Amino acid sequence: MPVNRILRSGAAVLLALASAAAQAPGRSEPNFSQPSRAPGVDYVLPSEAEVKATLDRIRDYFVRSTPYRIIDSATGAPITDLTKPPKKTAAIDLRSGQFNDWDYPMGVVLAAMLHAAEVTGDAAYSDYAFKNFDFIFDHLDYFRAQAKEFGPQAHGYARLLNMRELDDCGAIGAALIKAYNKKKDPRYRATIETIAEHIAHKQFRMPDGTLARQRPQPVSLWVDDLYMSVPFLAQMGELTGQRSWFDDGARQVIQASARLQDQATGLWDHSWFENTVPDPKFYWGRGAGWALMAAAELLSVMPENHPERERVLEIFRRGAQGAAAAQGGTGLWHQLLDKPDSYLETSASAMFTFAIARGVNRGWLSPVYAPVAQAGWQALATRVRPDGRIEGICVSTTAAYDAVYYYNRPTDLGAMQGYGPTLMAGAEVIAMLRGFEVERTLNTFHYRKRR
C-alpha cells in the first residue's frame, strides 16, 4: 500500500477515535440489565423538569438577544423619534440576528413559544411572542411610510409589506393567528386577512391548485412550502369556520405527496420540477420534517368528519413510519435521510420528534412510536448549549440538483430554522410524558396511555 494512502487511512482512524472520545459517555436506565451505553447515546427517560429546563435555556437566549430597536443602518445609531419622516436607511436592528424580523423561521419560533406556554403554563414564553408581534405592529406604519417613499427595504419588514412568496407570510401568519386567538388585536386580524388574500388568490399555483414556485425551474414544487402554507390554511379554517380553508390545506398535502413522497419508504423528496422527467430524488431531512409537521398541524385542527381527513392521516402515518426507520443510532436524523454517511442534523431531528410525539399524543400513531420521539428529544437536548444556542442546524438550503450540495451545507449557531422546532419538540414531549405511563422493561421503554 502506498505510504500516502497508509497515512490517510491512519489519519481517518485517529479522527474517528477522537470524535468518539469527544462524545459524552453513553447513559442508560440504571435498572437495565443490558444497558445501551454507546458514546453519545442518552437512553434514559427524561423528566418533565429536565425537558423544561432545556426549553427555558432556549427561551432565555431569545429574551436576552432580541434588541427591539430601530437604527440607522448606515451608522448604527438608534432612531428614537419616529414622528419624523423615515430615512431610507432606517432599519430593524438585526445585528445580533433576525430575532424580531418578519420571516418564516421567526414565525415558527413565535408559534413554538405560544405552544410551550400552553403546555408548561409558563407565561414567559407567550410574553415573548406577544412582545415580538407588538413590536412589529407598533412600527409597521413607520416602515410602511418608508416603503411608500423609497420602496420596501430589506430590514424594514419588506416581506410583510411586499409579499411575493409563501416564505414571506405563511409560517409567521399561522403564528399570528395563534396569537390572535389569545389576544384580539385588530392589527393582527387585518394582517391575517392580507395574508389570506395573498395565499388564496395571488400566490402562484399549478392548474390543479397546488402551490408552487417559479424558481429554480419555471414550475417547481418545494416540500418546504407545505409548512409555509398548510399551517396557515389550517388555522384559517379554525378561525373562520369555513371548510374551504381545510379543503385547500388537504389539497396541498395530498397533491404534494403524489409528487414528492416515496410511497414505499414514506420519505419526502426536497423538490419536483414539472419540466424534468425523471426527476432526481434528494431526501433532505429538514424538507421531510417540514412536510410531516405540516400534516400534523392540519390534523390538529381539521374536523374529524372532513372527507379528506383519512387521506391526510394516511400520508402522515406513512411519513412517520419512514422517519422512524431512518432515525440514526443516537436518536438524531441525517441531513440526507437515506445517506447515513451524511451528518446528523438538528432541525430535521426536532421536526420529526415534534410530529411523532404529536401523533402519539393525539392517537394518530400507536404508542409504540413514543420511544422514537423520546430518543429524538434526548439527542436534541445534547445539542442545546448552556447559553441556549443550538448546534448542528443546517443553514438555508435551496432546491438543488446534486448530493454534494446537500452533504456540504454548513451548520451555524445562528441558523434560526432549528430553534422553533426544538421548542415545539420539547413541549410536545412534555405532553407525551404526562399522558402515558412508561414501563422500563426488557432494556427498553413501553408507553401505555394513562387511565
Protein backbone atom coordinates (compact mmCIF):
# COMPACT_ATOMS: atom_id res chain seq x y z
CA MET A 1 0.00 0.00 0.00
CA PRO A 2 1.43 3.46 -0.91
CA VAL A 3 2.71 5.48 2.04
CA ASN A 4 0.33 8.38 1.43
CA ARG A 5 -2.64 6.02 1.45
CA ILE A 6 -1.46 4.49 4.73
CA LEU A 7 -1.10 7.96 6.23
CA ARG A 8 -4.57 8.94 5.07
CA SER A 9 -6.05 5.73 6.45
CA GLY A 10 -4.29 6.23 9.79
CA ALA A 11 -5.47 9.84 9.97
CA ALA A 12 -9.06 8.74 9.33
CA VAL A 13 -8.88 6.19 12.16
CA LEU A 14 -7.41 8.77 14.55
CA LEU A 15 -10.12 11.26 13.58
CA ALA A 16 -12.84 8.68 14.22
CA LEU A 17 -11.33 7.80 17.59
CA ALA A 18 -11.05 11.47 18.53
CA SER A 19 -14.67 12.04 17.55
CA ALA A 20 -15.84 9.10 19.68
CA ALA A 21 -13.74 10.30 22.59
CA ALA A 22 -15.23 13.80 22.27
CA GLN A 23 -18.76 12.46 22.66
CA ALA A 24 -20.28 12.29 26.11
CA PRO A 25 -20.30 8.83 27.70
CA GLY A 26 -23.47 6.93 26.95
CA ARG A 27 -26.27 6.84 29.54
CA SER A 28 -28.92 4.22 30.09
CA GLU A 29 -31.53 3.41 32.72
CA PRO A 30 -29.80 2.02 35.83
CA ASN A 31 -32.15 -0.99 36.10
CA PHE A 32 -31.49 -2.19 32.53
CA SER A 33 -29.58 -5.46 32.68
CA GLN A 34 -28.00 -4.92 29.26
CA PRO A 35 -27.78 -1.12 29.01
CA SER A 36 -27.35 0.78 25.74
CA ARG A 37 -24.40 2.99 26.61
CA ALA A 38 -22.61 3.68 23.36
CA PRO A 39 -20.83 7.08 23.29
CA GLY A 40 -23.28 9.86 22.60
CA VAL A 41 -26.36 7.76 23.38
CA ASP A 42 -28.73 9.04 26.08
CA TYR A 43 -31.15 6.14 26.52
CA VAL A 44 -32.87 7.50 29.61
CA LEU A 45 -36.45 8.58 30.24
CA PRO A 46 -36.33 12.35 30.76
CA SER A 47 -38.31 14.10 33.45
CA GLU A 48 -40.67 16.94 32.66
CA ALA A 49 -38.45 19.26 34.70
CA GLU A 50 -35.39 18.30 32.65
CA VAL A 51 -37.17 18.97 29.37
CA LYS A 52 -38.48 22.32 30.56
CA ALA A 53 -35.05 23.37 31.80
CA THR A 54 -33.72 22.86 28.28
CA LEU A 55 -36.61 24.84 26.81
CA ASP A 56 -36.05 27.61 29.34
CA ARG A 57 -32.44 27.99 28.20
CA ILE A 58 -33.58 28.46 24.61
CA ARG A 59 -36.27 30.95 25.60
CA ASP A 60 -33.85 32.93 27.75
CA TYR A 61 -31.42 33.10 24.84
CA PHE A 62 -34.13 34.74 22.73
CA VAL A 63 -35.23 37.09 25.50
CA ARG A 64 -31.74 38.47 26.10
CA SER A 65 -30.79 38.54 22.39
CA THR A 66 -33.78 40.43 20.97
CA PRO A 67 -32.93 44.16 20.80
CA TYR A 68 -36.29 45.82 19.95
CA ARG A 69 -34.51 48.80 18.38
CA ILE A 70 -34.83 50.86 15.21
CA ILE A 71 -31.46 52.04 13.92
CA ASP A 72 -29.89 53.92 11.04
CA SER A 73 -28.31 51.02 9.17
CA ALA A 74 -25.68 53.32 7.69
CA THR A 75 -24.33 54.44 11.08
CA GLY A 76 -25.76 52.01 13.64
CA ALA A 77 -27.14 54.95 15.62
CA PRO A 78 -30.54 54.38 17.28
CA ILE A 79 -33.59 56.15 15.84
CA THR A 80 -35.86 57.18 18.68
CA ASP A 81 -38.00 59.89 17.15
CA LEU A 82 -40.42 58.02 14.91
CA THR A 83 -42.60 61.08 14.31
CA LYS A 84 -40.18 62.35 11.65
CA PRO A 85 -40.30 61.04 8.07
CA PRO A 86 -38.31 57.80 7.91
CA LYS A 87 -34.91 57.64 6.23
CA LYS A 88 -34.16 55.12 3.55
CA THR A 89 -31.55 53.64 5.89
CA ALA A 90 -33.93 53.20 8.84
CA ALA A 91 -33.98 49.52 9.80
CA ILE A 92 -34.83 46.98 12.44
CA ASP A 93 -31.69 46.25 14.43
CA LEU A 94 -30.74 42.81 13.14
CA ARG A 95 -27.06 42.95 14.00
CA SER A 96 -27.43 40.18 16.57
CA GLY A 97 -29.72 38.07 14.39
CA GLN A 98 -33.22 38.00 12.91
CA PHE A 99 -34.91 37.92 16.32
CA ASN A 100 -37.64 40.49 15.67
CA ASP A 101 -37.82 40.33 11.91
CA TRP A 102 -40.90 39.26 9.96
CA ASP A 103 -39.84 35.97 8.37
CA TYR A 104 -40.67 32.30 8.39
CA PRO A 105 -38.08 30.95 10.90
CA MET A 106 -39.20 33.50 13.47
CA GLY A 107 -42.78 32.56 12.69
CA VAL A 108 -42.02 29.00 13.78
CA VAL A 109 -40.27 30.33 16.91
CA LEU A 110 -43.24 32.51 17.87
CA ALA A 111 -45.74 29.68 17.32
CA ALA A 112 -43.47 27.43 19.38
CA MET A 113 -43.32 29.98 22.21
CA LEU A 114 -47.13 30.02 22.32
CA HIS A 115 -47.23 26.22 22.31
CA ALA A 116 -44.65 25.98 25.08
CA ALA A 117 -46.69 28.43 27.17
CA GLU A 118 -49.83 26.31 26.71
CA VAL A 119 -48.10 23.08 27.70
CA THR A 120 -45.99 24.36 30.59
CA GLY A 121 -48.26 27.11 31.90
CA ASP A 122 -45.25 29.44 31.90
CA ALA A 123 -46.36 32.83 30.54
CA ALA A 124 -42.75 33.90 29.95
CA TYR A 125 -42.95 32.04 26.63
CA SER A 126 -46.13 33.70 25.37
CA ASP A 127 -44.95 37.06 26.71
CA TYR A 128 -42.02 36.85 24.33
CA ALA A 129 -44.29 36.07 21.37
CA PHE A 130 -46.65 38.95 22.08
CA LYS A 131 -43.81 41.38 22.67
CA ASN A 132 -42.35 40.49 19.28
CA PHE A 133 -45.63 40.81 17.42
CA ASP A 134 -46.42 44.09 19.15
CA PHE A 135 -43.00 45.50 18.27
CA ILE A 136 -43.70 44.68 14.62
CA PHE A 137 -47.12 46.29 14.57
CA ASP A 138 -46.08 49.27 16.68
CA HIS A 139 -43.56 50.16 13.96
CA LEU A 140 -45.33 48.93 10.86
CA ASP A 141 -46.77 52.32 9.87
CA TYR A 142 -43.29 53.85 10.12
CA PHE A 143 -41.85 51.28 7.74
CA ARG A 144 -44.92 51.46 5.53
CA ALA A 145 -44.19 55.18 5.08
CA GLN A 146 -40.56 54.32 4.33
CA ALA A 147 -41.65 51.79 1.69
CA LYS A 148 -44.01 54.31 0.10
CA GLU A 149 -41.17 56.79 -0.38
CA PHE A 150 -38.19 54.52 -1.07
CA GLY A 151 -39.65 51.11 -1.82
CA PRO A 152 -39.71 48.21 0.68
CA GLN A 153 -36.31 47.98 2.36
CA ALA A 154 -34.66 44.69 3.27
CA HIS A 155 -34.62 45.44 7.01
CA GLY A 156 -37.91 47.30 7.16
CA TYR A 157 -40.40 44.43 7.10
CA ALA A 158 -40.09 44.12 3.34
CA ARG A 159 -41.54 40.59 3.39
CA LEU A 160 -44.68 41.84 5.10
CA LEU A 161 -45.08 44.99 3.01
CA ASN A 162 -44.32 43.31 -0.31
CA MET A 163 -45.41 39.67 -0.15
CA ARG A 164 -44.09 37.62 -3.04
CA GLU A 165 -43.65 34.07 -1.78
CA LEU A 166 -45.07 31.75 0.84
CA ASP A 167 -41.84 32.26 2.80
CA ASP A 168 -42.96 35.85 3.31
CA CYS A 169 -46.20 35.11 5.09
CA GLY A 170 -47.37 31.53 5.67
CA ALA A 171 -45.47 30.27 8.71
CA ILE A 172 -45.46 33.57 10.58
CA GLY A 173 -49.07 34.12 9.53
CA ALA A 174 -50.04 30.84 11.21
CA ALA A 175 -48.27 32.03 14.37
CA LEU A 176 -50.13 35.34 14.13
CA ILE A 177 -53.50 33.56 14.06
CA LYS A 178 -52.49 31.57 17.13
CA ALA A 179 -51.57 34.85 18.84
CA TYR A 180 -54.83 36.47 17.71
CA ASN A 181 -56.79 33.60 19.27
CA LYS A 182 -55.39 34.73 22.61
CA LYS A 183 -55.23 38.48 22.05
CA LYS A 184 -57.85 40.04 19.76
CA ASP A 185 -55.68 42.83 18.45
CA PRO A 186 -57.35 44.33 15.33
CA ARG A 187 -53.92 44.95 13.81
CA TYR A 188 -53.28 41.22 13.93
CA ARG A 189 -56.58 40.47 12.22
CA ALA A 190 -56.01 42.99 9.42
CA THR A 191 -52.68 41.39 8.57
CA ILE A 192 -54.17 37.90 8.78
CA GLU A 193 -56.69 38.95 6.12
CA THR A 194 -53.90 40.34 3.92
CA ILE A 195 -52.02 37.05 4.13
CA ALA A 196 -55.17 35.07 3.42
CA GLU A 197 -55.80 37.13 0.30
CA HIS A 198 -52.25 36.57 -0.90
CA ILE A 199 -52.20 32.80 -0.39
CA ALA A 200 -55.73 32.22 -1.68
CA HIS A 201 -55.64 34.48 -4.72
CA LYS A 202 -52.18 35.82 -5.55
CA GLN A 203 -49.63 33.09 -4.88
CA PHE A 204 -48.52 31.15 -7.96
CA ARG A 205 -50.25 27.79 -8.35
CA MET A 206 -50.30 24.94 -10.80
CA PRO A 207 -53.53 24.35 -12.76
CA ASP A 208 -54.64 21.74 -10.19
CA GLY A 209 -54.33 24.30 -7.38
CA THR A 210 -51.00 23.10 -5.98
CA LEU A 211 -49.00 25.99 -4.55
CA ALA A 212 -45.69 26.22 -6.40
CA ARG A 213 -42.70 28.41 -7.18
CA GLN A 214 -41.30 29.68 -10.44
CA ARG A 215 -37.71 29.03 -9.41
CA PRO A 216 -35.29 27.43 -9.95
CA GLN A 217 -37.36 25.93 -12.78
CA PRO A 218 -40.46 27.56 -14.28
CA VAL A 219 -42.77 25.28 -12.27
CA SER A 220 -41.13 23.95 -9.11
CA LEU A 221 -42.53 22.29 -6.01
CA TRP A 222 -40.53 22.65 -2.79
CA VAL A 223 -41.52 20.39 0.06
CA ASP A 224 -40.71 23.32 2.39
CA ASP A 225 -43.81 25.08 1.07
CA LEU A 226 -46.08 22.62 2.82
CA TYR A 227 -45.13 24.25 6.11
CA MET A 228 -45.10 27.70 4.50
CA SER A 229 -48.80 27.26 3.62
CA VAL A 230 -50.67 24.39 5.27
CA PRO A 231 -50.50 25.54 8.93
CA PHE A 232 -51.87 28.93 7.88
CA LEU A 233 -54.65 27.33 5.83
CA ALA A 234 -55.49 25.08 8.77
CA GLN A 235 -55.56 27.95 11.24
CA MET A 236 -57.75 29.99 8.89
CA GLY A 237 -60.17 27.08 8.76
CA GLU A 238 -60.40 27.03 12.53
CA LEU A 239 -60.56 30.83 12.81
CA THR A 240 -63.31 31.34 10.25
CA GLY A 241 -65.16 28.03 10.42
CA GLN A 242 -65.05 27.88 6.62
CA ARG A 243 -64.36 24.39 5.26
CA SER A 244 -62.75 25.75 2.10
CA TRP A 245 -59.54 26.52 4.04
CA PHE A 246 -59.32 22.92 5.25
CA ASP A 247 -60.07 21.76 1.71
CA ASP A 248 -57.11 23.76 0.41
CA GLY A 249 -54.81 22.51 3.17
CA ALA A 250 -55.74 18.91 2.41
CA ARG A 251 -55.27 19.54 -1.32
CA GLN A 252 -51.71 20.77 -0.73
CA VAL A 253 -50.74 17.75 1.38
CA ILE A 254 -52.36 15.19 -0.94
CA GLN A 255 -51.05 16.65 -4.20
CA ALA A 256 -47.56 17.27 -2.82
CA SER A 257 -47.48 13.70 -1.55
CA ALA A 258 -48.31 12.39 -5.03
CA ARG A 259 -45.25 14.16 -6.48
CA LEU A 260 -42.78 14.25 -3.60
CA GLN A 261 -43.40 11.39 -1.14
CA ASP A 262 -41.90 7.99 -1.84
CA GLN A 263 -44.87 5.69 -1.45
CA ALA A 264 -42.73 2.75 -0.33
CA THR A 265 -40.45 4.42 2.24
CA GLY A 266 -42.59 7.40 3.26
CA LEU A 267 -39.63 9.76 2.78
CA TRP A 268 -40.15 13.15 1.13
CA ASP A 269 -38.08 14.38 -1.80
CA HIS A 270 -36.99 18.01 -1.48
CA SER A 271 -38.26 19.23 -4.85
CA TRP A 272 -40.08 18.37 -8.07
CA PHE A 273 -39.75 20.14 -11.40
CA GLU A 274 -42.50 19.92 -13.99
CA ASN A 275 -40.01 20.04 -16.87
CA THR A 276 -37.78 17.23 -15.56
CA VAL A 277 -38.51 13.54 -16.22
CA PRO A 278 -37.27 11.52 -14.47
CA ASP A 279 -36.85 13.84 -11.52
CA PRO A 280 -33.74 13.35 -9.30
CA LYS A 281 -34.52 12.49 -5.69
CA PHE A 282 -32.84 14.07 -2.66
CA TYR A 283 -34.43 13.14 0.64
CA TRP A 284 -33.30 16.20 2.58
CA GLY A 285 -34.04 15.86 6.28
CA ARG A 286 -35.45 19.30 7.05
CA GLY A 287 -37.65 19.21 3.96
CA ALA A 288 -39.22 15.94 5.09
CA GLY A 289 -39.56 17.45 8.55
CA TRP A 290 -41.46 20.44 7.19
CA ALA A 291 -43.87 18.05 5.44
CA LEU A 292 -44.54 15.90 8.50
CA MET A 293 -45.03 18.93 10.75
CA ALA A 294 -47.41 20.50 8.21
CA ALA A 295 -49.57 17.38 8.12
CA ALA A 296 -49.56 17.31 11.94
CA GLU A 297 -50.64 20.97 12.12
CA LEU A 298 -53.51 20.28 9.71
CA LEU A 299 -54.69 17.15 11.51
CA SER A 300 -54.59 19.01 14.84
CA VAL A 301 -57.48 21.31 13.85
CA MET A 302 -59.12 19.57 10.89
CA PRO A 303 -62.69 18.42 11.61
CA GLU A 304 -62.96 14.70 12.29
CA ASN A 305 -65.65 14.40 9.62
CA HIS A 306 -63.74 16.19 6.87
CA PRO A 307 -63.88 13.98 3.75
CA GLU A 308 -60.12 14.16 3.17
CA ARG A 309 -59.00 13.63 6.76
CA GLU A 310 -58.30 9.93 6.30
CA ARG A 311 -56.11 10.58 3.25
CA VAL A 312 -54.10 13.20 5.13
CA LEU A 313 -53.81 10.82 8.07
CA GLU A 314 -52.54 8.05 5.79
CA ILE A 315 -49.88 10.40 4.37
CA PHE A 316 -48.86 11.47 7.88
CA ARG A 317 -48.58 7.88 9.09
CA ARG A 318 -46.54 6.86 6.06
CA GLY A 319 -44.19 9.77 6.71
CA ALA A 320 -43.88 8.92 10.41
CA GLN A 321 -43.12 5.30 9.61
CA GLY A 322 -40.42 6.40 7.17
CA ALA A 323 -38.94 8.81 9.70
CA ALA A 324 -38.83 6.13 12.42
CA ALA A 325 -36.99 3.78 10.07
CA ALA A 326 -34.44 6.47 9.14
CA GLN A 327 -33.57 7.55 12.72
CA GLY A 328 -29.87 7.29 13.48
CA GLY A 329 -28.25 5.34 16.30
CA THR A 330 -28.01 8.29 18.71
CA GLY A 331 -31.61 9.43 18.19
CA LEU A 332 -30.87 12.12 15.61
CA TRP A 333 -31.62 12.06 11.89
CA HIS A 334 -29.27 12.59 8.97
CA GLN A 335 -29.02 15.57 6.62
CA LEU A 336 -29.92 13.21 3.78
CA LEU A 337 -32.26 10.68 5.33
CA ASP A 338 -31.22 7.76 3.14
CA LYS A 339 -27.49 8.57 3.38
CA PRO A 340 -26.14 7.54 6.81
CA ASP A 341 -22.74 8.96 5.91
CA SER A 342 -24.27 12.45 5.77
CA TYR A 343 -24.07 14.40 9.02
CA LEU A 344 -26.61 14.27 11.84
CA GLU A 345 -28.73 17.41 11.56
CA THR A 346 -30.66 19.15 14.31
CA SER A 347 -33.63 20.90 12.69
CA ALA A 348 -34.88 17.76 10.92
CA SER A 349 -34.46 15.82 14.16
CA ALA A 350 -36.54 18.38 16.04
CA MET A 351 -39.28 18.32 13.41
CA PHE A 352 -39.58 14.54 13.42
CA THR A 353 -39.53 14.47 17.22
CA PHE A 354 -42.36 17.02 17.41
CA ALA A 355 -44.51 15.42 14.72
CA ILE A 356 -44.16 11.87 16.06
CA ALA A 357 -44.83 12.98 19.65
CA ARG A 358 -47.89 14.92 18.43
CA GLY A 359 -49.08 11.85 16.56
CA VAL A 360 -48.75 9.68 19.67
CA ASN A 361 -50.42 12.28 21.88
CA ARG A 362 -53.40 12.71 19.54
CA GLY A 363 -53.86 9.00 18.87
CA TRP A 364 -52.86 9.14 15.20
CA LEU A 365 -49.91 6.86 15.92
CA SER A 366 -49.60 3.86 18.19
CA PRO A 367 -47.77 4.43 21.49
CA VAL A 368 -45.02 2.16 20.13
CA TYR A 369 -43.78 5.30 18.32
CA ALA A 370 -43.30 7.18 21.61
CA PRO A 371 -39.75 5.91 22.25
CA VAL A 372 -38.77 7.27 18.82
CA ALA A 373 -39.76 10.76 19.97
CA GLN A 374 -38.21 10.20 23.41
CA ALA A 375 -34.87 9.21 21.88
CA GLY A 376 -35.10 12.11 19.45
CA TRP A 377 -35.60 14.56 22.30
CA GLN A 378 -32.77 13.17 24.41
CA ALA A 379 -30.41 13.53 21.46
CA LEU A 380 -31.68 17.05 20.71
CA ALA A 381 -31.14 18.14 24.30
CA THR A 382 -27.43 17.38 23.98
CA ARG A 383 -27.23 19.93 21.18
CA VAL A 384 -28.61 22.80 23.27
CA ARG A 385 -25.70 24.68 24.75
CA PRO A 386 -25.78 26.08 28.30
CA ASP A 387 -26.40 29.55 26.82
CA GLY A 388 -29.44 28.31 24.88
CA ARG A 389 -27.88 28.31 21.44
CA ILE A 390 -28.37 25.15 19.40
CA GLU A 391 -25.68 23.30 17.47
CA GLY A 392 -25.93 21.35 14.24
CA ILE A 393 -28.63 23.33 12.40
CA CYS A 394 -28.24 23.35 8.62
CA VAL A 395 -28.28 26.84 7.11
CA SER A 396 -30.81 27.95 4.47
CA THR A 397 -30.95 25.40 1.66
CA THR A 398 -32.33 25.81 -1.83
CA ALA A 399 -33.78 23.15 -4.11
CA ALA A 400 -30.59 21.72 -5.61
CA TYR A 401 -29.61 19.18 -8.23
CA ASP A 402 -26.79 17.17 -6.64
CA ALA A 403 -25.97 15.30 -3.44
CA VAL A 404 -22.68 17.15 -2.96
CA TYR A 405 -24.62 20.34 -2.26
CA TYR A 406 -26.69 18.73 0.49
CA TYR A 407 -23.79 16.84 2.03
CA ASN A 408 -21.80 20.04 2.37
CA ARG A 409 -24.34 22.58 3.54
CA PRO A 410 -22.77 24.11 6.67
CA THR A 411 -24.35 24.31 10.09
CA ASP A 412 -24.48 27.52 12.10
CA LEU A 413 -25.49 28.56 15.60
CA GLY A 414 -27.37 31.46 14.03
CA ALA A 415 -29.44 29.30 11.67
CA MET A 416 -32.89 30.02 13.08
CA GLN A 417 -34.68 27.16 11.32
CA GLY A 418 -33.98 24.72 14.15
CA TYR A 419 -34.94 26.82 17.17
CA GLY A 420 -38.71 26.86 16.79
CA PRO A 421 -38.93 23.13 16.01
CA THR A 422 -36.77 22.30 19.05
CA LEU A 423 -39.09 24.31 21.29
CA MET A 424 -42.10 22.58 19.72
CA ALA A 425 -40.49 19.15 20.15
CA GLY A 426 -39.75 19.70 23.83
CA ALA A 427 -43.23 20.99 24.58
CA GLU A 428 -44.85 18.04 22.83
CA VAL A 429 -42.57 15.56 24.62
CA ILE A 430 -43.65 17.09 27.95
CA ALA A 431 -47.27 16.48 26.92
CA MET A 432 -46.34 12.91 25.99
CA LEU A 433 -44.67 12.25 29.35
CA ARG A 434 -47.80 13.49 31.12
CA GLY A 435 -50.17 11.42 29.01
CA PHE A 436 -48.55 7.99 29.31
CA GLU A 437 -47.32 5.52 31.88
CA VAL A 438 -43.83 4.38 30.93
CA GLU A 439 -42.62 0.93 31.87
CA ARG A 440 -38.89 0.26 31.88
CA THR A 441 -38.69 -3.37 30.91
CA LEU A 442 -36.62 -5.68 28.72
CA ASN A 443 -33.98 -2.93 28.42
CA THR A 444 -36.36 -0.55 26.68
CA PHE A 445 -39.45 1.61 27.24
CA HIS A 446 -43.13 0.73 26.87
CA TYR A 447 -45.66 3.59 26.77
CA ARG A 448 -49.23 2.93 27.88
CA LYS A 449 -51.99 5.54 27.93
CA ARG A 450 -52.75 6.80 31.43
CA ARG A 451 -56.18 5.77 32.69
